[in-house]
Amino acid sequence: MRGVVLNARGRLRPETFAKVWMQSPAMQSVITVPDSAVQRVDGKFVVFVAHPDGNGGARLVKRAVEVRSASGGRSAVLRGVAPGEAVVVQGAYAVKAQLAKGTMPKTEH
């Protein structure tokens, strides 16, 4: 086996890969949102939560969130959004731009 270095002690070394299996006593549910829904405003991560106004539109509210990177283009939201709340996904950057101008847009469905 020329050129292959065996690791007889089984220790982790820099620039090596390992497969890891972890067991957890309980599964946890996590809310995830598309990465495009999470914006950074004044150094904090936020999402824009939509509250329907009953007339086909919605009032948008900026909500600070604590997020962790998940996978597949989604972020795990640890705090700040409840299950079932509607968040702006497509166009969240445009909403952020309007917020920066001082005018939060009212949306139409």
PDB file of N, CA and C in Angstrom:
ATOM      1  N   MET A   1       0.845  -1.180   0.000  1.00  0.00           N
ATOM      2  CA  MET A   1       0.000   0.000   0.000  1.00  0.00           C
ATOM      3  C   MET A   1       0.888   1.241   0.000  1.00  0.00           C
ATOM      4  N   ARG A   2       1.393   1.530  -1.116  1.00  0.00           N
ATOM      5  CA  ARG A   2       2.293   2.666  -1.242  1.00  0.00           C
ATOM      6  C   ARG A   2       1.503   3.983  -1.212  1.00  0.00           C
ATOM      7  N   GLY A   3       1.968   4.968  -0.454  1.00  0.00           N
ATOM      8  CA  GLY A   3       1.331   6.272  -0.403  1.00  0.00           C
ATOM      9  C   GLY A   3       0.158   6.362   0.577  1.00  0.00           C
ATOM     10  N   VAL A   4      -0.209   5.261   1.217  1.00  0.00           N
ATOM     11  CA  VAL A   4      -1.309   5.278   2.185  1.00  0.00           C
ATOM     12  C   VAL A   4      -0.727   5.223   3.583  1.00  0.00           C
ATOM     13  N   VAL A   5      -1.137   6.149   4.432  1.00  0.00           N
ATOM     14  CA  VAL A   5      -0.657   6.170   5.808  1.00  0.00           C
ATOM     15  C   VAL A   5      -1.783   5.677   6.698  1.00  0.00           C
ATOM     16  N   LEU A   6      -1.548   4.583   7.379  1.00  0.00           N
ATOM     17  CA  LEU A   6      -2.551   4.037   8.272  1.00  0.00           C
ATOM     18  C   LEU A   6      -2.542   4.793   9.594  1.00  0.00           C
ATOM     19  N   ASN A   7      -3.671   4.855  10.216  1.00  0.00           N
ATOM     20  CA  ASN A   7      -3.821   5.545  11.489  1.00  0.00           C
ATOM     21  C   ASN A   7      -4.129   4.482  12.545  1.00  0.00           C
ATOM     22  N   ALA A   8      -3.095   3.795  13.003  1.00  0.00           N
ATOM     23  CA  ALA A   8      -3.262   2.660  13.917  1.00  0.00           C
ATOM     24  C   ALA A   8      -3.919   3.054  15.234  1.00  0.00           C
ATOM     25  N   ARG A   9      -3.697   4.266  15.700  1.00  0.00           N
ATOM     26  CA  ARG A   9      -4.281   4.693  16.981  1.00  0.00           C
ATOM     27  C   ARG A   9      -5.722   5.191  16.831  1.00  0.00           C
ATOM     28  N   GLY A  10      -6.169   5.439  15.610  1.00  0.00           N
ATOM     29  CA  GLY A  10      -7.543   5.887  15.386  1.00  0.00           C
ATOM     30  C   GLY A  10      -7.826   7.293  15.868  1.00  0.00           C
ATOM     31  N   ARG A  11      -6.837   8.138  15.883  1.00  0.00           N
ATOM     32  CA  ARG A  11      -7.014   9.515  16.365  1.00  0.00           C
ATOM     33  C   ARG A  11      -7.352  10.448  15.213  1.00  0.00           C
ATOM     34  N   LEU A  12      -8.119  11.488  15.523  1.00  0.00           N
ATOM     35  CA  LEU A  12      -8.414  12.505  14.518  1.00  0.00           C
ATOM     36  C   LEU A  12      -7.168  13.338  14.276  1.00  0.00           C
ATOM     37  N   ARG A  13      -6.944  13.656  13.020  1.00  0.00           N
ATOM     38  CA  ARG A  13      -5.804  14.483  12.640  1.00  0.00           C
ATOM     39  C   ARG A  13      -6.295  15.619  11.758  1.00  0.00           C
ATOM     40  N   PRO A  14      -5.525  16.717  11.710  1.00  0.00           N
ATOM     41  CA  PRO A  14      -5.924  17.829  10.833  1.00  0.00           C
ATOM     42  C   PRO A  14      -6.074  17.350   9.390  1.00  0.00           C
ATOM     43  N   GLU A  15      -7.045  17.935   8.710  1.00  0.00           N
ATOM     44  CA  GLU A  15      -7.314  17.682   7.305  1.00  0.00           C
ATOM     45  C   GLU A  15      -7.722  16.236   7.003  1.00  0.00           C
ATOM     46  N   THR A  16      -8.377  15.607   7.960  1.00  0.00           N
ATOM     47  CA  THR A  16      -8.922  14.271   7.721  1.00  0.00           C
ATOM     48  C   THR A  16     -10.428  14.333   7.864  1.00  0.00           C
ATOM     49  N   PHE A  17     -11.101  13.337   7.342  1.00  0.00           N
ATOM     50  CA  PHE A  17     -12.553  13.260   7.410  1.00  0.00           C
ATOM     51  C   PHE A  17     -12.954  12.103   8.299  1.00  0.00           C
ATOM     52  N   ALA A  18     -14.152  12.188   8.848  1.00  0.00           N
ATOM     53  CA  ALA A  18     -14.664  11.107   9.672  1.00  0.00           C
ATOM     54  C   ALA A  18     -16.168  11.017   9.481  1.00  0.00           C
ATOM     55  N   LYS A  19     -16.701   9.826   9.601  1.00  0.00           N
ATOM     56  CA  LYS A  19     -18.148   9.637   9.648  1.00  0.00           C
ATOM     57  C   LYS A  19     -18.538   9.521  11.102  1.00  0.00           C
ATOM     58  N   VAL A  20     -19.574  10.270  11.486  1.00  0.00           N
ATOM     59  CA  VAL A  20     -19.982  10.311  12.884  1.00  0.00           C
ATOM     60  C   VAL A  20     -21.461  10.010  12.987  1.00  0.00           C
ATOM     61  N   TRP A  21     -21.826   9.164  13.909  1.00  0.00           N
ATOM     62  CA  TRP A  21     -23.221   8.884  14.217  1.00  0.00           C
ATOM     63  C   TRP A  21     -23.462   9.333  15.642  1.00  0.00           C
ATOM     64  N   MET A  22     -24.542  10.064  15.824  1.00  0.00           N
ATOM     65  CA  MET A  22     -24.875  10.547  17.166  1.00  0.00           C
ATOM     66  C   MET A  22     -26.261  10.065  17.537  1.00  0.00           C
ATOM     67  N   GLN A  23     -26.428   9.746  18.794  1.00  0.00           N
ATOM     68  CA  GLN A  23     -27.738   9.365  19.287  1.00  0.00           C
ATOM     69  C   GLN A  23     -28.205  10.425  20.258  1.00  0.00           C
ATOM     70  N   SER A  24     -29.486  10.687  20.206  1.00  0.00           N
ATOM     71  CA  SER A  24     -30.094  11.675  21.082  1.00  0.00           C
ATOM     72  C   SER A  24     -31.271  11.026  21.790  1.00  0.00           C
ATOM     73  N   PRO A  25     -31.480  11.335  23.052  1.00  0.00           N
ATOM     74  CA  PRO A  25     -32.580  10.704  23.773  1.00  0.00           C
ATOM     75  C   PRO A  25     -33.962  11.112  23.255  1.00  0.00           C
ATOM     76  N   ALA A  26     -34.078  12.302  22.679  1.00  0.00           N
ATOM     77  CA  ALA A  26     -35.381  12.753  22.193  1.00  0.00           C
ATOM     78  C   ALA A  26     -35.203  13.568  20.919  1.00  0.00           C
ATOM     79  N   MET A  27     -36.139  13.407  20.002  1.00  0.00           N
ATOM     80  CA  MET A  27     -36.108  14.212  18.784  1.00  0.00           C
ATOM     81  C   MET A  27     -36.731  15.567  19.078  1.00  0.00           C
ATOM     82  N   GLN A  28     -36.244  16.585  18.406  1.00  0.00           N
ATOM     83  CA  GLN A  28     -36.782  17.924  18.584  1.00  0.00           C
ATOM     84  C   GLN A  28     -37.330  18.434  17.269  1.00  0.00           C
ATOM     85  N   SER A  29     -38.446  19.138  17.351  1.00  0.00           N
ATOM     86  CA  SER A  29     -39.000  19.798  16.173  1.00  0.00           C
ATOM     87  C   SER A  29     -38.340  21.162  16.041  1.00  0.00           C
ATOM     88  N   VAL A  30     -38.017  21.522  14.823  1.00  0.00           N
ATOM     89  CA  VAL A  30     -37.381  22.807  14.571  1.00  0.00           C
ATOM     90  C   VAL A  30     -38.117  23.480  13.424  1.00  0.00           C
ATOM     91  N   ILE A  31     -38.383  24.756  13.591  1.00  0.00           N
ATOM     92  CA  ILE A  31     -38.995  25.541  12.517  1.00  0.00           C
ATOM     93  C   ILE A  31     -37.883  25.915  11.550  1.00  0.00           C
ATOM     94  N   THR A  32     -38.099  25.683  10.268  1.00  0.00           N
ATOM     95  CA  THR A  32     -37.128  26.112   9.265  1.00  0.00           C
ATOM     96  C   THR A  32     -37.817  27.026   8.258  1.00  0.00           C
ATOM     97  N   VAL A  33     -37.046  27.946   7.725  1.00  0.00           N
ATOM     98  CA  VAL A  33     -37.533  28.854   6.683  1.00  0.00           C
ATOM     99  C   VAL A  33     -36.489  28.881   5.578  1.00  0.00           C
ATOM    100  N   PRO A  34     -36.893  29.205   4.360  1.00  0.00           N
ATOM    101  CA  PRO A  34     -35.895  29.366   3.302  1.00  0.00           C
ATOM    102  C   PRO A  34     -34.891  30.454   3.682  1.00  0.00           C
ATOM    103  N   ASP A  35     -33.642  30.259   3.294  1.00  0.00           N
ATOM    104  CA  ASP A  35     -32.603  31.249   3.601  1.00  0.00           C
ATOM    105  C   ASP A  35     -32.987  32.647   3.137  1.00  0.00           C
ATOM    106  N   SER A  36     -33.746  32.742   2.035  1.00  0.00           N
ATOM    107  CA  SER A  36     -34.131  34.049   1.490  1.00  0.00           C
ATOM    108  C   SER A  36     -35.060  34.824   2.424  1.00  0.00           C
ATOM    109  N   ALA A  37     -35.708  34.152   3.368  1.00  0.00           N
ATOM    110  CA  ALA A  37     -36.607  34.827   4.305  1.00  0.00           C
ATOM    111  C   ALA A  37     -35.837  35.566   5.392  1.00  0.00           C
ATOM    112  N   VAL A  38     -34.614  35.140   5.667  1.00  0.00           N
ATOM    113  CA  VAL A  38     -33.820  35.729   6.748  1.00  0.00           C
ATOM    114  C   VAL A  38     -32.993  36.883   6.188  1.00  0.00           C
ATOM    115  N   GLN A  39     -33.176  38.055   6.784  1.00  0.00           N
ATOM    116  CA  GLN A  39     -32.458  39.259   6.373  1.00  0.00           C
ATOM    117  C   GLN A  39     -31.664  39.790   7.559  1.00  0.00           C
ATOM    118  N   ARG A  40     -30.671  40.600   7.276  1.00  0.00           N
ATOM    119  CA  ARG A  40     -29.880  41.222   8.345  1.00  0.00           C
ATOM    120  C   ARG A  40     -30.196  42.714   8.350  1.00  0.00           C
ATOM    121  N   VAL A  41     -30.689  43.210   9.489  1.00  0.00           N
ATOM    122  CA  VAL A  41     -31.039  44.622   9.649  1.00  0.00           C
ATOM    123  C   VAL A  41     -30.375  45.114  10.930  1.00  0.00           C
ATOM    124  N   ASP A  42     -29.582  46.171  10.812  1.00  0.00           N
ATOM    125  CA  ASP A  42     -28.869  46.739  11.959  1.00  0.00           C
ATOM    126  C   ASP A  42     -28.075  45.685  12.719  1.00  0.00           C
ATOM    127  N   GLY A  43     -27.449  44.768  11.995  1.00  0.00           N
ATOM    128  CA  GLY A  43     -26.615  43.754  12.617  1.00  0.00           C
ATOM    129  C   GLY A  43     -27.353  42.589  13.245  1.00  0.00           C
ATOM    130  N   LYS A  44     -28.676  42.543  13.083  1.00  0.00           N
ATOM    131  CA  LYS A  44     -29.466  41.451  13.667  1.00  0.00           C
ATOM    132  C   LYS A  44     -30.202  40.709  12.561  1.00  0.00           C
ATOM    133  N   PHE A  45     -30.414  39.417  12.776  1.00  0.00           N
ATOM    134  CA  PHE A  45     -31.192  38.637  11.830  1.00  0.00           C
ATOM    135  C   PHE A  45     -32.675  38.868  12.092  1.00  0.00           C
ATOM    136  N   VAL A  46     -33.438  39.090  11.010  1.00  0.00           N
ATOM    137  CA  VAL A  46     -34.878  39.322  11.114  1.00  0.00           C
ATOM    138  C   VAL A  46     -35.604  38.566  10.011  1.00  0.00           C
ATOM    139  N   VAL A  47     -36.886  38.341  10.254  1.00  0.00           N
ATOM    140  CA  VAL A  47     -37.802  37.907   9.202  1.00  0.00           C
ATOM    141  C   VAL A  47     -38.964  38.887   9.234  1.00  0.00           C
ATOM    142  N   PHE A  48     -39.730  38.908   8.162  1.00  0.00           N
ATOM    143  CA  PHE A  48     -40.911  39.761   8.109  1.00  0.00           C
ATOM    144  C   PHE A  48     -42.126  38.857   8.189  1.00  0.00           C
ATOM    145  N   VAL A  49     -42.877  39.001   9.282  1.00  0.00           N
ATOM    146  CA  VAL A  49     -44.064  38.185   9.516  1.00  0.00           C
ATOM    147  C   VAL A  49     -45.271  38.912   8.935  1.00  0.00           C
ATOM    148  N   ALA A  50     -46.090  38.177   8.182  1.00  0.00           N
ATOM    149  CA  ALA A  50     -47.278  38.767   7.536  1.00  0.00           C
ATOM    150  C   ALA A  50     -48.513  38.491   8.380  1.00  0.00           C
ATOM    151  N   HIS A  51     -49.250  39.559   8.684  1.00  0.00           N
ATOM    152  CA  HIS A  51     -50.523  39.460   9.400  1.00  0.00           C
ATOM    153  C   HIS A  51     -51.625  39.898   8.437  1.00  0.00           C
ATOM    154  N   PRO A  52     -52.472  38.948   7.964  1.00  0.00           N
ATOM    155  CA  PRO A  52     -53.534  39.311   7.019  1.00  0.00           C
ATOM    156  C   PRO A  52     -54.422  40.419   7.583  1.00  0.00           C
ATOM    157  N   ASP A  53     -54.816  41.358   6.695  1.00  0.00           N
ATOM    158  CA  ASP A  53     -55.651  42.481   7.142  1.00  0.00           C
ATOM    159  C   ASP A  53     -57.140  42.257   6.876  1.00  0.00           C
ATOM    160  N   GLY A  54     -57.504  41.110   6.296  1.00  0.00           N
ATOM    161  CA  GLY A  54     -58.912  40.820   6.029  1.00  0.00           C
ATOM    162  C   GLY A  54     -59.411  41.376   4.712  1.00  0.00           C
ATOM    163  N   ASN A  55     -58.599  42.173   4.017  1.00  0.00           N
ATOM    164  CA  ASN A  55     -58.995  42.765   2.739  1.00  0.00           C
ATOM    165  C   ASN A  55     -58.134  42.264   1.585  1.00  0.00           C
ATOM    166  N   GLY A  56     -57.479  41.125   1.768  1.00  0.00           N
ATOM    167  CA  GLY A  56     -56.636  40.579   0.720  1.00  0.00           C
ATOM    168  C   GLY A  56     -55.186  41.019   0.801  1.00  0.00           C
ATOM    169  N   GLY A  57     -54.871  41.851   1.763  1.00  0.00           N
ATOM    170  CA  GLY A  57     -53.494  42.308   1.951  1.00  0.00           C
ATOM    171  C   GLY A  57     -52.962  41.818   3.282  1.00  0.00           C
ATOM    172  N   ALA A  58     -51.847  42.343   3.684  1.00  0.00           N
ATOM    173  CA  ALA A  58     -51.253  41.954   4.958  1.00  0.00           C
ATOM    174  C   ALA A  58     -50.420  43.093   5.515  1.00  0.00           C
ATOM    175  N   ARG A  59     -50.329  43.131   6.819  1.00  0.00           N
ATOM    176  CA  ARG A  59     -49.449  44.069   7.520  1.00  0.00           C
ATOM    177  C   ARG A  59     -48.177  43.293   7.831  1.00  0.00           C
ATOM    178  N   LEU A  60     -47.020  43.844   7.492  1.00  0.00           N
ATOM    179  CA  LEU A  60     -45.749  43.168   7.712  1.00  0.00           C
ATOM    180  C   LEU A  60     -45.083  43.699   8.968  1.00  0.00           C
ATOM    181  N   VAL A  61     -44.594  42.779   9.776  1.00  0.00           N
ATOM    182  CA  VAL A  61     -43.937  43.144  11.026  1.00  0.00           C
ATOM    183  C   VAL A  61     -42.537  42.555  11.028  1.00  0.00           C
ATOM    184  N   LYS A  62     -41.552  43.400  11.293  1.00  0.00           N
ATOM    185  CA  LYS A  62     -40.165  42.938  11.402  1.00  0.00           C
ATOM    186  C   LYS A  62     -40.019  42.207  12.729  1.00  0.00           C
ATOM    187  N   ARG A  63     -39.445  41.011  12.676  1.00  0.00           N
ATOM    188  CA  ARG A  63     -39.295  40.213  13.893  1.00  0.00           C
ATOM    189  C   ARG A  63     -37.857  39.722  14.006  1.00  0.00           C
ATOM    190  N   ALA A  64     -37.200  40.034  15.109  1.00  0.00           N
ATOM    191  CA  ALA A  64     -35.846  39.536  15.354  1.00  0.00           C
ATOM    192  C   ALA A  64     -35.917  38.027  15.583  1.00  0.00           C
ATOM    193  N   VAL A  65     -34.963  37.309  14.993  1.00  0.00           N
ATOM    194  CA  VAL A  65     -34.928  35.854  15.140  1.00  0.00           C
ATOM    195  C   VAL A  65     -33.507  35.399  15.468  1.00  0.00           C
ATOM    196  N   GLU A  66     -33.431  34.247  16.097  1.00  0.00           N
ATOM    197  CA  GLU A  66     -32.161  33.573  16.294  1.00  0.00           C
ATOM    198  C   GLU A  66     -32.166  32.395  15.342  1.00  0.00           C
ATOM    199  N   VAL A  67     -31.204  32.350  14.462  1.00  0.00           N
ATOM    200  CA  VAL A  67     -31.173  31.297  13.445  1.00  0.00           C
ATOM    201  C   VAL A  67     -29.853  30.543  13.485  1.00  0.00           C
ATOM    202  N   ARG A  68     -29.941  29.324  12.993  1.00  0.00           N
ATOM    203  CA  ARG A  68     -28.762  28.487  12.781  1.00  0.00           C
ATOM    204  C   ARG A  68     -28.853  27.950  11.371  1.00  0.00           C
ATOM    205  N   SER A  69     -27.732  27.769  10.783  1.00  0.00           N
ATOM    206  CA  SER A  69     -27.693  27.213   9.443  1.00  0.00           C
ATOM    207  C   SER A  69     -28.212  25.785   9.488  1.00  0.00           C
ATOM    208  N   ALA A  70     -29.061  25.447   8.564  1.00  0.00           N
ATOM    209  CA  ALA A  70     -29.574  24.083   8.474  1.00  0.00           C
ATOM    210  C   ALA A  70     -28.947  23.473   7.229  1.00  0.00           C
ATOM    211  N   SER A  71     -29.762  23.048   6.310  1.00  0.00           N
ATOM    212  CA  SER A  71     -29.212  22.515   5.063  1.00  0.00           C
ATOM    213  C   SER A  71     -30.244  22.658   3.963  1.00  0.00           C
ATOM    214  N   GLY A  72     -29.807  22.451   2.738  1.00  0.00           N
ATOM    215  CA  GLY A  72     -30.724  22.503   1.610  1.00  0.00           C
ATOM    216  C   GLY A  72     -31.334  23.863   1.375  1.00  0.00           C
ATOM    217  N   GLY A  73     -30.594  24.941   1.703  1.00  0.00           N
ATOM    218  CA  GLY A  73     -31.113  26.282   1.463  1.00  0.00           C
ATOM    219  C   GLY A  73     -32.129  26.747   2.498  1.00  0.00           C
ATOM    220  N   ARG A  74     -32.131  26.111   3.657  1.00  0.00           N
ATOM    221  CA  ARG A  74     -33.059  26.483   4.723  1.00  0.00           C
ATOM    222  C   ARG A  74     -32.281  26.813   5.991  1.00  0.00           C
ATOM    223  N   SER A  75     -32.859  27.688   6.812  1.00  0.00           N
ATOM    224  CA  SER A  75     -32.275  28.062   8.100  1.00  0.00           C
ATOM    225  C   SER A  75     -33.200  27.607   9.211  1.00  0.00           C
ATOM    226  N   ALA A  76     -32.614  27.108  10.285  1.00  0.00           N
ATOM    227  CA  ALA A  76     -33.395  26.714  11.465  1.00  0.00           C
ATOM    228  C   ALA A  76     -33.635  27.955  12.315  1.00  0.00           C
ATOM    229  N   VAL A  77     -34.887  28.208  12.679  1.00  0.00           N
ATOM    230  CA  VAL A  77     -35.229  29.361  13.515  1.00  0.00           C
ATOM    231  C   VAL A  77     -35.391  28.855  14.940  1.00  0.00           C
ATOM    232  N   LEU A  78     -34.469  29.259  15.814  1.00  0.00           N
ATOM    233  CA  LEU A  78     -34.493  28.799  17.199  1.00  0.00           C
ATOM    234  C   LEU A  78     -35.409  29.640  18.069  1.00  0.00           C
ATOM    235  N   ARG A  79     -35.525  30.945  17.742  1.00  0.00           N
ATOM    236  CA  ARG A  79     -36.392  31.866  18.493  1.00  0.00           C
ATOM    237  C   ARG A  79     -36.922  32.942  17.565  1.00  0.00           C
ATOM    238  N   GLY A  80     -38.163  33.373  17.825  1.00  0.00           N
ATOM    239  CA  GLY A  80     -38.691  34.525  17.110  1.00  0.00           C
ATOM    240  C   GLY A  80     -39.863  34.261  16.202  1.00  0.00           C
ATOM    241  N   VAL A  81     -40.092  33.012  15.805  1.00  0.00           N
ATOM    242  CA  VAL A  81     -41.223  32.676  14.937  1.00  0.00           C
ATOM    243  C   VAL A  81     -41.940  31.465  15.526  1.00  0.00           C
ATOM    244  N   ALA A  82     -43.253  31.534  15.548  1.00  0.00           N
ATOM    245  CA  ALA A  82     -44.059  30.421  16.049  1.00  0.00           C
ATOM    246  C   ALA A  82     -44.503  29.545  14.886  1.00  0.00           C
ATOM    247  N   PRO A  83     -44.749  28.273  15.153  1.00  0.00           N
ATOM    248  CA  PRO A  83     -45.245  27.393  14.085  1.00  0.00           C
ATOM    249  C   PRO A  83     -46.517  27.958  13.468  1.00  0.00           C
ATOM    250  N   GLY A  84     -46.594  27.924  12.159  1.00  0.00           N
ATOM    251  CA  GLY A  84     -47.783  28.389  11.445  1.00  0.00           C
ATOM    252  C   GLY A  84     -47.783  29.854  11.071  1.00  0.00           C
ATOM    253  N   GLU A  85     -46.854  30.648  11.595  1.00  0.00           N
ATOM    254  CA  GLU A  85     -46.806  32.058  11.211  1.00  0.00           C
ATOM    255  C   GLU A  85     -46.292  32.178   9.783  1.00  0.00           C
ATOM    256  N   ALA A  86     -46.889  33.098   9.037  1.00  0.00           N
ATOM    257  CA  ALA A  86     -46.495  33.324   7.647  1.00  0.00           C
ATOM    258  C   ALA A  86     -45.356  34.336   7.616  1.00  0.00           C
ATOM    259  N   VAL A  87     -44.270  33.975   6.931  1.00  0.00           N
ATOM    260  CA  VAL A  87     -43.146  34.897   6.777  1.00  0.00           C
ATOM    261  C   VAL A  87     -42.933  35.176   5.299  1.00  0.00           C
ATOM    262  N   VAL A  88     -42.431  36.371   5.014  1.00  0.00           N
ATOM    263  CA  VAL A  88     -42.130  36.758   3.638  1.00  0.00           C
ATOM    264  C   VAL A  88     -40.898  35.971   3.193  1.00  0.00           C
ATOM    265  N   VAL A  89     -41.030  35.284   2.063  1.00  0.00           N
ATOM    266  CA  VAL A  89     -39.919  34.504   1.523  1.00  0.00           C
ATOM    267  C   VAL A  89     -39.417  35.170   0.253  1.00  0.00           C
ATOM    268  N   GLN A  90     -40.280  35.217  -0.752  1.00  0.00           N
ATOM    269  CA  GLN A  90     -39.903  35.845  -2.011  1.00  0.00           C
ATOM    270  C   GLN A  90     -40.151  37.340  -1.876  1.00  0.00           C
ATOM    271  N   GLY A  91     -39.112  38.124  -2.056  1.00  0.00           N
ATOM    272  CA  GLY A  91     -39.264  39.571  -1.933  1.00  0.00           C
ATOM    273  C   GLY A  91     -38.881  40.115  -0.573  1.00  0.00           C
ATOM    274  N   ALA A  92     -38.325  39.281   0.304  1.00  0.00           N
ATOM    275  CA  ALA A  92     -37.938  39.755   1.635  1.00  0.00           C
ATOM    276  C   ALA A  92     -36.868  40.843   1.542  1.00  0.00           C
ATOM    277  N   TYR A  93     -35.965  40.719   0.558  1.00  0.00           N
ATOM    278  CA  TYR A  93     -34.931  41.741   0.391  1.00  0.00           C
ATOM    279  C   TYR A  93     -35.562  43.079   0.000  1.00  0.00           C
ATOM    280  N   ALA A  94     -36.593  43.045  -0.842  1.00  0.00           N
ATOM    281  CA  ALA A  94     -37.289  44.275  -1.247  1.00  0.00           C
ATOM    282  C   ALA A  94     -37.987  44.920  -0.048  1.00  0.00           C
ATOM    283  N   VAL A  95     -38.556  44.093   0.815  1.00  0.00           N
ATOM    284  CA  VAL A  95     -39.199  44.615   2.031  1.00  0.00           C
ATOM    285  C   VAL A  95     -38.139  45.290   2.901  1.00  0.00           C
ATOM    286  N   LYS A  96     -36.985  44.655   3.025  1.00  0.00           N
ATOM    287  CA  LYS A  96     -35.879  45.235   3.800  1.00  0.00           C
ATOM    288  C   LYS A  96     -35.473  46.589   3.219  1.00  0.00           C
ATOM    289  N   ALA A  97     -35.414  46.695   1.900  1.00  0.00           N
ATOM    290  CA  ALA A  97     -35.048  47.954   1.245  1.00  0.00           C
ATOM    291  C   ALA A  97     -36.077  49.042   1.551  1.00  0.00           C
ATOM    292  N   GLN A  98     -37.349  48.687   1.530  1.00  0.00           N
ATOM    293  CA  GLN A  98     -38.403  49.660   1.853  1.00  0.00           C
ATOM    294  C   GLN A  98     -38.307  50.093   3.313  1.00  0.00           C
ATOM    295  N   LEU A  99     -37.985  49.149   4.182  1.00  0.00           N
ATOM    296  CA  LEU A  99     -37.818  49.464   5.597  1.00  0.00           C
ATOM    297  C   LEU A  99     -36.689  50.467   5.781  1.00  0.00           C
ATOM    298  N   ALA A 100     -35.608  50.280   5.033  1.00  0.00           N
ATOM    299  CA  ALA A 100     -34.474  51.200   5.116  1.00  0.00           C
ATOM    300  C   ALA A 100     -34.856  52.611   4.666  1.00  0.00           C
ATOM    301  N   LYS A 101     -35.810  52.703   3.729  1.00  0.00           N
ATOM    302  CA  LYS A 101     -36.289  54.017   3.262  1.00  0.00           C
ATOM    303  C   LYS A 101     -37.255  54.637   4.262  1.00  0.00           C
ATOM    304  N   GLY A 102     -37.696  53.855   5.243  1.00  0.00           N
ATOM    305  CA  GLY A 102     -38.619  54.374   6.246  1.00  0.00           C
ATOM    306  C   GLY A 102     -40.076  54.112   5.938  1.00  0.00           C
ATOM    307  N   THR A 103     -40.356  53.300   4.902  1.00  0.00           N
ATOM    308  CA  THR A 103     -41.742  52.990   4.583  1.00  0.00           C
ATOM    309  C   THR A 103     -41.894  51.482   4.458  1.00  0.00           C
ATOM    310  N   MET A 104     -42.615  50.900   5.373  1.00  0.00           N
ATOM    311  CA  MET A 104     -42.860  49.462   5.321  1.00  0.00           C
ATOM    312  C   MET A 104     -44.016  49.237   4.364  1.00  0.00           C
ATOM    313  N   PRO A 105     -43.818  48.405   3.327  1.00  0.00           N
ATOM    314  CA  PRO A 105     -44.889  48.220   2.331  1.00  0.00           C
ATOM    315  C   PRO A 105     -46.056  47.404   2.880  1.00  0.00           C
ATOM    316  N   LYS A 106     -47.219  47.659   2.319  1.00  0.00           N
ATOM    317  CA  LYS A 106     -48.404  46.850   2.579  1.00  0.00           C
ATOM    318  C   LYS A 106     -48.522  45.918   1.399  1.00  0.00           C
ATOM    319  N   THR A 107     -48.719  44.644   1.660  1.00  0.00           N
ATOM    320  CA  THR A 107     -48.707  43.673   0.551  1.00  0.00           C
ATOM    321  C   THR A 107     -50.102  43.358   0.072  1.00  0.00           C
ATOM    322  N   GLU A 108     -50.175  42.923  -1.162  1.00  0.00           N
ATOM    323  CA  GLU A 108     -51.404  42.424  -1.763  1.00  0.00           C
ATOM    324  C   GLU A 108     -51.206  40.954  -2.053  1.00  0.00           C
ATOM    325  N   HIS A 109     -52.237  40.162  -1.826  1.00  0.00           N
ATOM    326  CA  HIS A 109     -52.129  38.711  -2.098  1.00  0.00           C
ATOM    327  C   HIS A 109     -52.435  38.431  -3.533  1.00  0.00           C
TER     328      HIS A 109
END
